[in-house]
């Protein structure tokens, strides 16, 4: 496996998993618990997409801290969402994207993630113009305050967005998460009206949040690069 470290901070490590820099660039957000999932996802997308692209894995150290846009003290198994996504996004803007452009100056750069990482990927398009699109797969759009945020903000740059959600994700015992389907539907309608949308796709999958997670993110990334 290729393990080419592009950048490393206290918040994340960015690795190049492709053998060369070619075509559009995908920044896939993961964490240490995912193991070799990034490599498997890259291989599967390469096999099916049939196009050349560059795959980078962004291993974020603390999802609840660096992938959440504002602080929420939620009653969710003791988790506290510290809301420091702006710290990570600023580092991507000033440290990561410039380094990527040293290798592929004119390539489109996409960001993709699942769950909280999907939320961050989508949020980053509202806060920055450095990305050309995002895959928000089973994104945590249940996040308190997201409905109001999405209603009041517009995208910063012309971009393509892929959204997906499991049909059973709303069937959760946690009251804070039950609105995820309603919020996703609202999000989709808002994006259809946004003048910066170039392409938009919404897919509904069978199962809940933890079903076929790798396949779902693969679909989103394939859509972006193809």
C-alpha atoms as a PDB file:
ATOM      1  CA  UNK A   1       0.000   0.000   0.000  1.00  0.00           C
ATOM      2  CA  UNK A   2       1.241   3.456  -0.881  1.00  0.00           C
ATOM      3  CA  UNK A   3       1.618   5.617   2.216  1.00  0.00           C
ATOM      4  CA  UNK A   4       2.717   9.055   1.073  1.00  0.00           C
ATOM      5  CA  UNK A   5       2.235  11.603   3.846  1.00  0.00           C
ATOM      6  CA  UNK A   6       1.271  15.005   2.430  1.00  0.00           C
ATOM      7  CA  UNK A   7       0.570  16.870   5.657  1.00  0.00           C
ATOM      8  CA  UNK A   8       0.459  16.122   9.361  1.00  0.00           C
ATOM      9  CA  UNK A   9      -0.801  18.213  12.296  1.00  0.00           C
ATOM     10  CA  UNK A  10      -2.299  17.577  15.714  1.00  0.00           C
ATOM     11  CA  UNK A  11      -5.737  17.585  14.096  1.00  0.00           C
ATOM     12  CA  UNK A  12      -5.154  15.279  11.115  1.00  0.00           C
ATOM     13  CA  UNK A  13      -2.871  13.343   8.801  1.00  0.00           C
ATOM     14  CA  UNK A  14      -3.311  13.539   5.034  1.00  0.00           C
ATOM     15  CA  UNK A  15      -2.063  10.598   2.966  1.00  0.00           C
ATOM     16  CA  UNK A  16      -1.874  10.126  -0.784  1.00  0.00           C
ATOM     17  CA  UNK A  17      -3.195   6.644  -1.577  1.00  0.00           C
ATOM     18  CA  UNK A  18      -3.017   6.920  -5.366  1.00  0.00           C
ATOM     19  CA  UNK A  19       0.136   5.968  -7.229  1.00  0.00           C
ATOM     20  CA  UNK A  20       0.199   9.237  -9.204  1.00  0.00           C
ATOM     21  CA  UNK A  21      -1.336  12.698  -9.230  1.00  0.00           C
ATOM     22  CA  UNK A  22      -3.861  12.611 -12.048  1.00  0.00           C
ATOM     23  CA  UNK A  23      -7.338  13.968 -12.727  1.00  0.00           C
ATOM     24  CA  UNK A  24      -9.678  15.327 -10.065  1.00  0.00           C
ATOM     25  CA  UNK A  25      -8.639  15.018  -6.413  1.00  0.00           C
ATOM     26  CA  UNK A  26     -10.841  13.435  -3.743  1.00  0.00           C
ATOM     27  CA  UNK A  27     -10.155  14.141  -0.067  1.00  0.00           C
ATOM     28  CA  UNK A  28     -11.846  11.316   1.845  1.00  0.00           C
ATOM     29  CA  UNK A  29     -12.330  11.969   5.579  1.00  0.00           C
ATOM     30  CA  UNK A  30     -11.651   9.008   7.856  1.00  0.00           C
ATOM     31  CA  UNK A  31     -10.225   8.155  11.269  1.00  0.00           C
ATOM     32  CA  UNK A  32      -7.869   5.562  12.745  1.00  0.00           C
ATOM     33  CA  UNK A  33     -10.711   3.161  13.523  1.00  0.00           C
ATOM     34  CA  UNK A  34     -11.421   2.731   9.810  1.00  0.00           C
ATOM     35  CA  UNK A  35      -8.186   0.757   9.311  1.00  0.00           C
ATOM     36  CA  UNK A  36      -7.617  -0.111   5.654  1.00  0.00           C
ATOM     37  CA  UNK A  37     -11.058   1.106   4.554  1.00  0.00           C
ATOM     38  CA  UNK A  38      -9.594   4.059   2.626  1.00  0.00           C
ATOM     39  CA  UNK A  39      -7.456   1.769   0.480  1.00  0.00           C
ATOM     40  CA  UNK A  40     -10.414  -0.538  -0.190  1.00  0.00           C
ATOM     41  CA  UNK A  41     -12.652   2.371  -1.158  1.00  0.00           C
ATOM     42  CA  UNK A  42     -10.010   3.750  -3.521  1.00  0.00           C
ATOM     43  CA  UNK A  43      -9.552   0.374  -5.218  1.00  0.00           C
ATOM     44  CA  UNK A  44     -13.278  -0.175  -5.640  1.00  0.00           C
ATOM     45  CA  UNK A  45     -13.903   3.285  -7.087  1.00  0.00           C
ATOM     46  CA  UNK A  46     -10.970   2.890  -9.491  1.00  0.00           C
ATOM     47  CA  UNK A  47     -12.341  -0.465 -10.625  1.00  0.00           C
ATOM     48  CA  UNK A  48     -15.870   0.730 -11.317  1.00  0.00           C
ATOM     49  CA  UNK A  49     -15.506   4.430 -12.200  1.00  0.00           C
ATOM     50  CA  UNK A  50     -13.148   3.818 -15.108  1.00  0.00           C
ATOM     51  CA  UNK A  51     -11.650   7.303 -14.889  1.00  0.00           C
ATOM     52  CA  UNK A  52      -8.367   8.660 -13.608  1.00  0.00           C
ATOM     53  CA  UNK A  53      -8.471  10.481 -10.275  1.00  0.00           C
ATOM     54  CA  UNK A  54      -6.303  11.149  -7.215  1.00  0.00           C
ATOM     55  CA  UNK A  55      -7.381   9.751  -3.856  1.00  0.00           C
ATOM     56  CA  UNK A  56      -6.243  11.314  -0.575  1.00  0.00           C
ATOM     57  CA  UNK A  57      -7.250  10.121   2.885  1.00  0.00           C
ATOM     58  CA  UNK A  58      -7.717  12.721   5.609  1.00  0.00           C
ATOM     59  CA  UNK A  59      -7.423  10.954   8.971  1.00  0.00           C
ATOM     60  CA  UNK A  60      -9.021  13.296  11.531  1.00  0.00           C
ATOM     61  CA  UNK A  61      -7.984  12.744  15.139  1.00  0.00           C
ATOM     62  CA  UNK A  62     -11.198  13.801  16.919  1.00  0.00           C
ATOM     63  CA  UNK A  63     -14.415  13.790  14.910  1.00  0.00           C
ATOM     64  CA  UNK A  64     -16.618  15.244  17.656  1.00  0.00           C
ATOM     65  CA  UNK A  65     -14.243  18.186  17.954  1.00  0.00           C
ATOM     66  CA  UNK A  66     -13.052  18.969  14.431  1.00  0.00           C
ATOM     67  CA  UNK A  67     -15.975  17.907  12.236  1.00  0.00           C
ATOM     68  CA  UNK A  68     -18.752  19.755  14.069  1.00  0.00           C
ATOM     69  CA  UNK A  69     -19.525  23.350  12.999  1.00  0.00           C
ATOM     70  CA  UNK A  70     -20.622  24.695  16.393  1.00  0.00           C
ATOM     71  CA  UNK A  71     -20.663  23.429  19.955  1.00  0.00           C
ATOM     72  CA  UNK A  72     -23.529  21.189  21.061  1.00  0.00           C
ATOM     73  CA  UNK A  73     -23.704  19.527  24.464  1.00  0.00           C
ATOM     74  CA  UNK A  74     -25.876  16.588  23.485  1.00  0.00           C
ATOM     75  CA  UNK A  75     -27.103  13.720  25.630  1.00  0.00           C
ATOM     76  CA  UNK A  76     -25.577  11.074  23.373  1.00  0.00           C
ATOM     77  CA  UNK A  77     -23.605   8.527  25.408  1.00  0.00           C
ATOM     78  CA  UNK A  78     -21.636  11.300  27.064  1.00  0.00           C
ATOM     79  CA  UNK A  79     -20.438  12.813  23.787  1.00  0.00           C
ATOM     80  CA  UNK A  80     -19.751  16.533  23.580  1.00  0.00           C
ATOM     81  CA  UNK A  81     -19.520  18.114  20.146  1.00  0.00           C
ATOM     82  CA  UNK A  82     -16.945  20.881  20.571  1.00  0.00           C
ATOM     83  CA  UNK A  83     -17.738  22.649  17.290  1.00  0.00           C
ATOM     84  CA  UNK A  84     -14.197  23.346  16.060  1.00  0.00           C
ATOM     85  CA  UNK A  85     -14.722  22.531  12.396  1.00  0.00           C
ATOM     86  CA  UNK A  86     -13.459  26.011  11.518  1.00  0.00           C
ATOM     87  CA  UNK A  87     -10.021  25.044  12.854  1.00  0.00           C
ATOM     88  CA  UNK A  88      -9.814  22.060  10.503  1.00  0.00           C
ATOM     89  CA  UNK A  89     -11.250  23.938   7.527  1.00  0.00           C
ATOM     90  CA  UNK A  90      -8.762  26.786   7.935  1.00  0.00           C
ATOM     91  CA  UNK A  91      -5.891  24.316   7.920  1.00  0.00           C
ATOM     92  CA  UNK A  92      -7.249  22.632   4.799  1.00  0.00           C
ATOM     93  CA  UNK A  93      -7.502  26.012   3.085  1.00  0.00           C
ATOM     94  CA  UNK A  94      -4.030  27.215   4.048  1.00  0.00           C
ATOM     95  CA  UNK A  95      -2.022  24.003   4.333  1.00  0.00           C
ATOM     96  CA  UNK A  96      -3.614  21.131   2.416  1.00  0.00           C
ATOM     97  CA  UNK A  97      -5.167  22.626  -0.727  1.00  0.00           C
ATOM     98  CA  UNK A  98      -2.036  24.650  -1.632  1.00  0.00           C
ATOM     99  CA  UNK A  99       0.081  21.502  -1.362  1.00  0.00           C
ATOM    100  CA  UNK A 100      -2.341  19.589  -3.569  1.00  0.00           C
ATOM    101  CA  UNK A 101      -2.257  22.348  -6.176  1.00  0.00           C
ATOM    102  CA  UNK A 102       1.517  22.043  -6.347  1.00  0.00           C
ATOM    103  CA  UNK A 103       0.915  18.650  -7.961  1.00  0.00           C
ATOM    104  CA  UNK A 104      -2.323  19.245  -9.910  1.00  0.00           C
ATOM    105  CA  UNK A 105      -2.782  22.975 -10.386  1.00  0.00           C
ATOM    106  CA  UNK A 106      -6.008  23.015 -12.377  1.00  0.00           C
ATOM    107  CA  UNK A 107      -7.706  19.871 -11.096  1.00  0.00           C
ATOM    108  CA  UNK A 108     -11.045  19.938  -9.334  1.00  0.00           C
ATOM    109  CA  UNK A 109     -10.823  19.147  -5.624  1.00  0.00           C
ATOM    110  CA  UNK A 110     -13.670  17.304  -3.912  1.00  0.00           C
ATOM    111  CA  UNK A 111     -14.226  16.428  -0.263  1.00  0.00           C
ATOM    112  CA  UNK A 112     -16.175  13.359   0.852  1.00  0.00           C
ATOM    113  CA  UNK A 113     -17.272  11.849   4.120  1.00  0.00           C
ATOM    114  CA  UNK A 114     -19.759   9.687   5.997  1.00  0.00           C
ATOM    115  CA  UNK A 115     -21.821  10.651   9.051  1.00  0.00           C
ATOM    116  CA  UNK A 116     -20.195  13.637  10.841  1.00  0.00           C
ATOM    117  CA  UNK A 117     -17.581  13.699   8.072  1.00  0.00           C
ATOM    118  CA  UNK A 118     -20.404  14.094   5.564  1.00  0.00           C
ATOM    119  CA  UNK A 119     -21.774  16.988   7.599  1.00  0.00           C
ATOM    120  CA  UNK A 120     -18.352  18.640   7.578  1.00  0.00           C
ATOM    121  CA  UNK A 121     -17.930  18.102   3.828  1.00  0.00           C
ATOM    122  CA  UNK A 122     -21.247  19.798   3.105  1.00  0.00           C
ATOM    123  CA  UNK A 123     -20.704  22.594   5.644  1.00  0.00           C
ATOM    124  CA  UNK A 124     -17.302  23.386   4.123  1.00  0.00           C
ATOM    125  CA  UNK A 125     -18.985  24.341   0.829  1.00  0.00           C
ATOM    126  CA  UNK A 126     -21.002  26.975   2.664  1.00  0.00           C
ATOM    127  CA  UNK A 127     -17.933  28.368   4.407  1.00  0.00           C
ATOM    128  CA  UNK A 128     -15.189  28.164   1.770  1.00  0.00           C
ATOM    129  CA  UNK A 129     -14.642  28.305  -1.980  1.00  0.00           C
ATOM    130  CA  UNK A 130     -11.633  25.962  -2.117  1.00  0.00           C
ATOM    131  CA  UNK A 131     -13.623  22.828  -2.984  1.00  0.00           C
ATOM    132  CA  UNK A 132     -15.458  22.038  -6.208  1.00  0.00           C
ATOM    133  CA  UNK A 133     -17.943  19.666  -4.644  1.00  0.00           C
ATOM    134  CA  UNK A 134     -18.692  17.204  -1.893  1.00  0.00           C
ATOM    135  CA  UNK A 135     -20.155  13.800  -1.114  1.00  0.00           C
ATOM    136  CA  UNK A 136     -22.272  13.945   2.041  1.00  0.00           C
ATOM    137  CA  UNK A 137     -23.097  10.277   2.613  1.00  0.00           C
ATOM    138  CA  UNK A 138     -25.541   9.564   5.437  1.00  0.00           C
ATOM    139  CA  UNK A 139     -24.479  12.977   6.668  1.00  0.00           C
ATOM    140  CA  UNK A 140     -25.384  13.967  10.223  1.00  0.00           C
ATOM    141  CA  UNK A 141     -27.896  16.599   9.158  1.00  0.00           C
ATOM    142  CA  UNK A 142     -29.773  15.897  12.388  1.00  0.00           C
ATOM    143  CA  UNK A 143     -27.156  18.149  13.992  1.00  0.00           C
ATOM    144  CA  UNK A 144     -28.905  20.759  16.199  1.00  0.00           C
ATOM    145  CA  UNK A 145     -29.145  24.059  14.356  1.00  0.00           C
ATOM    146  CA  UNK A 146     -28.409  22.621  10.900  1.00  0.00           C
ATOM    147  CA  UNK A 147     -31.901  23.198   9.526  1.00  0.00           C
ATOM    148  CA  UNK A 148     -31.688  26.890  10.366  1.00  0.00           C
ATOM    149  CA  UNK A 149     -28.117  27.131   9.061  1.00  0.00           C
ATOM    150  CA  UNK A 150     -28.951  25.532   5.707  1.00  0.00           C
ATOM    151  CA  UNK A 151     -31.966  27.797   5.300  1.00  0.00           C
ATOM    152  CA  UNK A 152     -29.950  30.955   5.925  1.00  0.00           C
ATOM    153  CA  UNK A 153     -26.778  30.236   3.927  1.00  0.00           C
ATOM    154  CA  UNK A 154     -25.771  29.852   0.277  1.00  0.00           C
ATOM    155  CA  UNK A 155     -22.886  27.987  -1.301  1.00  0.00           C
ATOM    156  CA  UNK A 156     -19.629  29.911  -1.740  1.00  0.00           C
ATOM    157  CA  UNK A 157     -18.602  28.468  -5.090  1.00  0.00           C
ATOM    158  CA  UNK A 158     -19.959  26.662  -8.141  1.00  0.00           C
ATOM    159  CA  UNK A 159     -19.932  23.010  -7.146  1.00  0.00           C
ATOM    160  CA  UNK A 160     -21.416  19.535  -7.463  1.00  0.00           C
ATOM    161  CA  UNK A 161     -22.961  17.786  -4.462  1.00  0.00           C
ATOM    162  CA  UNK A 162     -23.914  14.190  -3.770  1.00  0.00           C
ATOM    163  CA  UNK A 163     -26.305  13.434  -0.889  1.00  0.00           C
ATOM    164  CA  UNK A 164     -27.406  10.061   0.445  1.00  0.00           C
ATOM    165  CA  UNK A 165     -29.301   8.624   3.378  1.00  0.00           C
ATOM    166  CA  UNK A 166     -30.556   5.258   4.569  1.00  0.00           C
ATOM    167  CA  UNK A 167     -34.320   4.856   4.540  1.00  0.00           C
ATOM    168  CA  UNK A 168     -34.320   3.605   8.131  1.00  0.00           C
ATOM    169  CA  UNK A 169     -31.965   6.201   9.606  1.00  0.00           C
ATOM    170  CA  UNK A 170     -34.883   8.170  10.998  1.00  0.00           C
ATOM    171  CA  UNK A 171     -36.049   5.093  12.943  1.00  0.00           C
ATOM    172  CA  UNK A 172     -33.776   5.725  15.894  1.00  0.00           C
ATOM    173  CA  UNK A 173     -34.521   5.845  19.599  1.00  0.00           C
ATOM    174  CA  UNK A 174     -32.528   9.043  19.997  1.00  0.00           C
ATOM    175  CA  UNK A 175     -34.870  12.057  19.738  1.00  0.00           C
ATOM    176  CA  UNK A 176     -32.151  14.337  18.395  1.00  0.00           C
ATOM    177  CA  UNK A 177     -31.461  12.118  15.376  1.00  0.00           C
ATOM    178  CA  UNK A 178     -35.026  11.377  14.322  1.00  0.00           C
ATOM    179  CA  UNK A 179     -35.245  14.514  12.183  1.00  0.00           C
ATOM    180  CA  UNK A 180     -32.382  13.452   9.896  1.00  0.00           C
ATOM    181  CA  UNK A 181     -34.666  12.491   7.004  1.00  0.00           C
ATOM    182  CA  UNK A 182     -36.729  15.680   7.180  1.00  0.00           C
ATOM    183  CA  UNK A 183     -33.548  17.761   7.307  1.00  0.00           C
ATOM    184  CA  UNK A 184     -32.030  15.872   4.385  1.00  0.00           C
ATOM    185  CA  UNK A 185     -35.126  16.474   2.279  1.00  0.00           C
ATOM    186  CA  UNK A 186     -35.044  20.174   3.187  1.00  0.00           C
ATOM    187  CA  UNK A 187     -31.342  20.274   2.343  1.00  0.00           C
ATOM    188  CA  UNK A 188     -31.953  18.776  -1.071  1.00  0.00           C
ATOM    189  CA  UNK A 189     -34.700  21.280  -1.870  1.00  0.00           C
ATOM    190  CA  UNK A 190     -32.507  24.172  -0.719  1.00  0.00           C
ATOM    191  CA  UNK A 191     -29.637  23.036  -2.919  1.00  0.00           C
ATOM    192  CA  UNK A 192     -31.893  22.708  -5.954  1.00  0.00           C
ATOM    193  CA  UNK A 193     -32.599  26.419  -5.593  1.00  0.00           C
ATOM    194  CA  UNK A 194     -28.980  27.466  -4.998  1.00  0.00           C
ATOM    195  CA  UNK A 195     -27.514  29.274  -8.012  1.00  0.00           C
ATOM    196  CA  UNK A 196     -24.063  27.796  -7.334  1.00  0.00           C
ATOM    197  CA  UNK A 197     -25.161  24.189  -7.871  1.00  0.00           C
ATOM    198  CA  UNK A 198     -23.630  22.674 -10.997  1.00  0.00           C
ATOM    199  CA  UNK A 199     -24.803  19.089 -10.472  1.00  0.00           C
ATOM    200  CA  UNK A 200     -26.852  17.562  -7.647  1.00  0.00           C
ATOM    201  CA  UNK A 201     -27.709  13.960  -6.791  1.00  0.00           C
ATOM    202  CA  UNK A 202     -29.757  12.469  -3.945  1.00  0.00           C
ATOM    203  CA  UNK A 203     -29.774   8.693  -3.335  1.00  0.00           C
ATOM    204  CA  UNK A 204     -31.835   6.740  -0.833  1.00  0.00           C
ATOM    205  CA  UNK A 205     -30.403   3.451   0.423  1.00  0.00           C
ATOM    206  CA  UNK A 206     -31.925   0.478   2.168  1.00  0.00           C
ATOM    207  CA  UNK A 207     -31.151   0.058   5.859  1.00  0.00           C
ATOM    208  CA  UNK A 208     -30.028   2.262   8.696  1.00  0.00           C
ATOM    209  CA  UNK A 209     -26.980   4.381   9.404  1.00  0.00           C
ATOM    210  CA  UNK A 210     -24.540   1.521   9.872  1.00  0.00           C
ATOM    211  CA  UNK A 211     -25.537  -0.567   6.848  1.00  0.00           C
ATOM    212  CA  UNK A 212     -23.176  -0.810   3.849  1.00  0.00           C
ATOM    213  CA  UNK A 213     -21.211   2.274   4.842  1.00  0.00           C
ATOM    214  CA  UNK A 214     -18.252   1.668   2.500  1.00  0.00           C
ATOM    215  CA  UNK A 215     -20.539   1.000  -0.471  1.00  0.00           C
ATOM    216  CA  UNK A 216     -22.405   4.237   0.176  1.00  0.00           C
ATOM    217  CA  UNK A 217     -19.271   6.392   0.270  1.00  0.00           C
ATOM    218  CA  UNK A 218     -17.960   4.605  -2.830  1.00  0.00           C
ATOM    219  CA  UNK A 219     -21.118   5.571  -4.704  1.00  0.00           C
ATOM    220  CA  UNK A 220     -20.729   9.191  -3.706  1.00  0.00           C
ATOM    221  CA  UNK A 221     -17.089   9.363  -4.748  1.00  0.00           C
ATOM    222  CA  UNK A 222     -17.767   7.581  -8.054  1.00  0.00           C
ATOM    223  CA  UNK A 223     -20.480  10.124  -8.803  1.00  0.00           C
ATOM    224  CA  UNK A 224     -18.108  13.014  -8.135  1.00  0.00           C
ATOM    225  CA  UNK A 225     -15.199  11.791 -10.257  1.00  0.00           C
ATOM    226  CA  UNK A 226     -17.246  10.317 -13.107  1.00  0.00           C
END
